[in-house]
Amino acid sequence: MNPRTPGARARTRTRVRTRTRARARACTCRRGALAVLAAVLLLGACTRTAAPVPPAPAPSASEPLPATAPTPQGLLLTADFGADTVTFVDPQRGAVASVTVGRAPYGLAVGADGRAWVATAEGVAVVDTLTRVRVALIPYRTDTGPVTDGEYRGGGMGIALSPDGAHAYAGVNVPGTTGVLEVLDTARREVTAVVPVGRRPFDVDVSPDGAEVYVTGHDSFDVTVVAADSTSTRRIEVAPYGTEGGLGSWLKPHYAVVRPSDGKLLLPFEGERLAVVDPRTGRTAIEPMTADTHQHGAALTPDGRLLAVGTGAVQPGDGKGPSLTVRSPDGAERVYPLRGPHEDVAVSRDGRTAYVTGGYTRDGYWNGITVVDLDTGATRRLAAGARPLGIAVL
């Protein structure tokens, strides 16, 4: 699709200013006006005033794997935010096994050795994906308050592994204040460093050479660049719409990907703007996007296409519905509609299929994965655990 004309961009800026004010007013909570005020001032969420989209039921799960059978390659692994488990999913048949890992797992990362590192509210769980056994639960050094669940729960959110697998990096939310990055030695299975970062670290990424770690701070409009060797930090503000509305704003960063060709970070916003951040200079360039939907999860295909998950309009009539954007390196986009909100996305090894989790951090989630053919946009649904967020291909 062609970029918007200058006149359209001017209208978009006007609409964005109106939308920002409306969104700041629209940050609500189900527990009444007092809870609304507390959530907006202290927690700063992505909330919506529209009724949740009632999702269609997912298909039934397939036959479980025998307990002694090794896990086949090519299965999917999801972090089940609503069930304290990770679920193994056959991409053709649905869920085949689950392993209890800890309270409210959020993100996960899988190493070349087949170990999965799962960020839960209690600590980082380590799962042997071949045998489907949790082999460790590593507690955080940081006090994150009571172990609980829900969108604002303390504990791990984004997580990533170093290219050599020697370290895991967990972004840890500390309710009411700034977050931290906890660095884990994967051989010793212990936390070796704690680094202050932004608020509510939705996502963690690592540079291709392993020299830097990038932590996306949702509620602080930023990416914290952490030097892997010294743990020194630099903050880069990423706010293509500005920071109006503060903690109550919708217009915040969520997930990022690192472009292998130049090491720049790609962060989609609202299906309207793609922030391209150069971590070396701290400069951000903005490119137009076309989906016009609130965006969360992101991934790259092997051939360099960016996938961005759209969760739907902020308010009825103010944007389009849930979707998956497929953006080519030249900026051309295809936008495939999805049924109901989704959260994160992974790509098959051949780059032809996307797997989009239905867990979503707000209302309207469903217990499954949407499988998307990236050439045609055809979709089908699979049962997959309970409120799945993070996802990886084994």
Foldseek 3Di string as FASTA:
>chain_A
DDADDPVVVVVVLVLLVVVQVVLLVAQADDPDDVVSVCCLVFPQDLDFPDDFFAFDAFDDADEADPLAAWDDAFWKWFQFQPPQWIFTADPVGFTHDIERFGHRWAAWEADPQQWIWIKHLAATWIANRGNGYTPDGEGDPDCQDDRDGALQRWTFAAKYAANVRQWIWTWTARGRAFTWIFIAGVVVGYTDDIATDGHPFNYWDAFNNRQWIWTFHFQVQWIWIAGPPPRDIDIAHHQPSDQPSRSSGLFGFAYWDAQNVQRWIWTDAQQFWIWTADVVVSDTDIDGGHQRAGWHAWDAFPQGWIWIWGQQARYVPRGGHTWIWTADPVGDIDTAHDRHGFHYWDAGNVRQKIWTAQLDSYPNGHAWIWIAGPVPRDIHIHGGHHSTHYMDRD
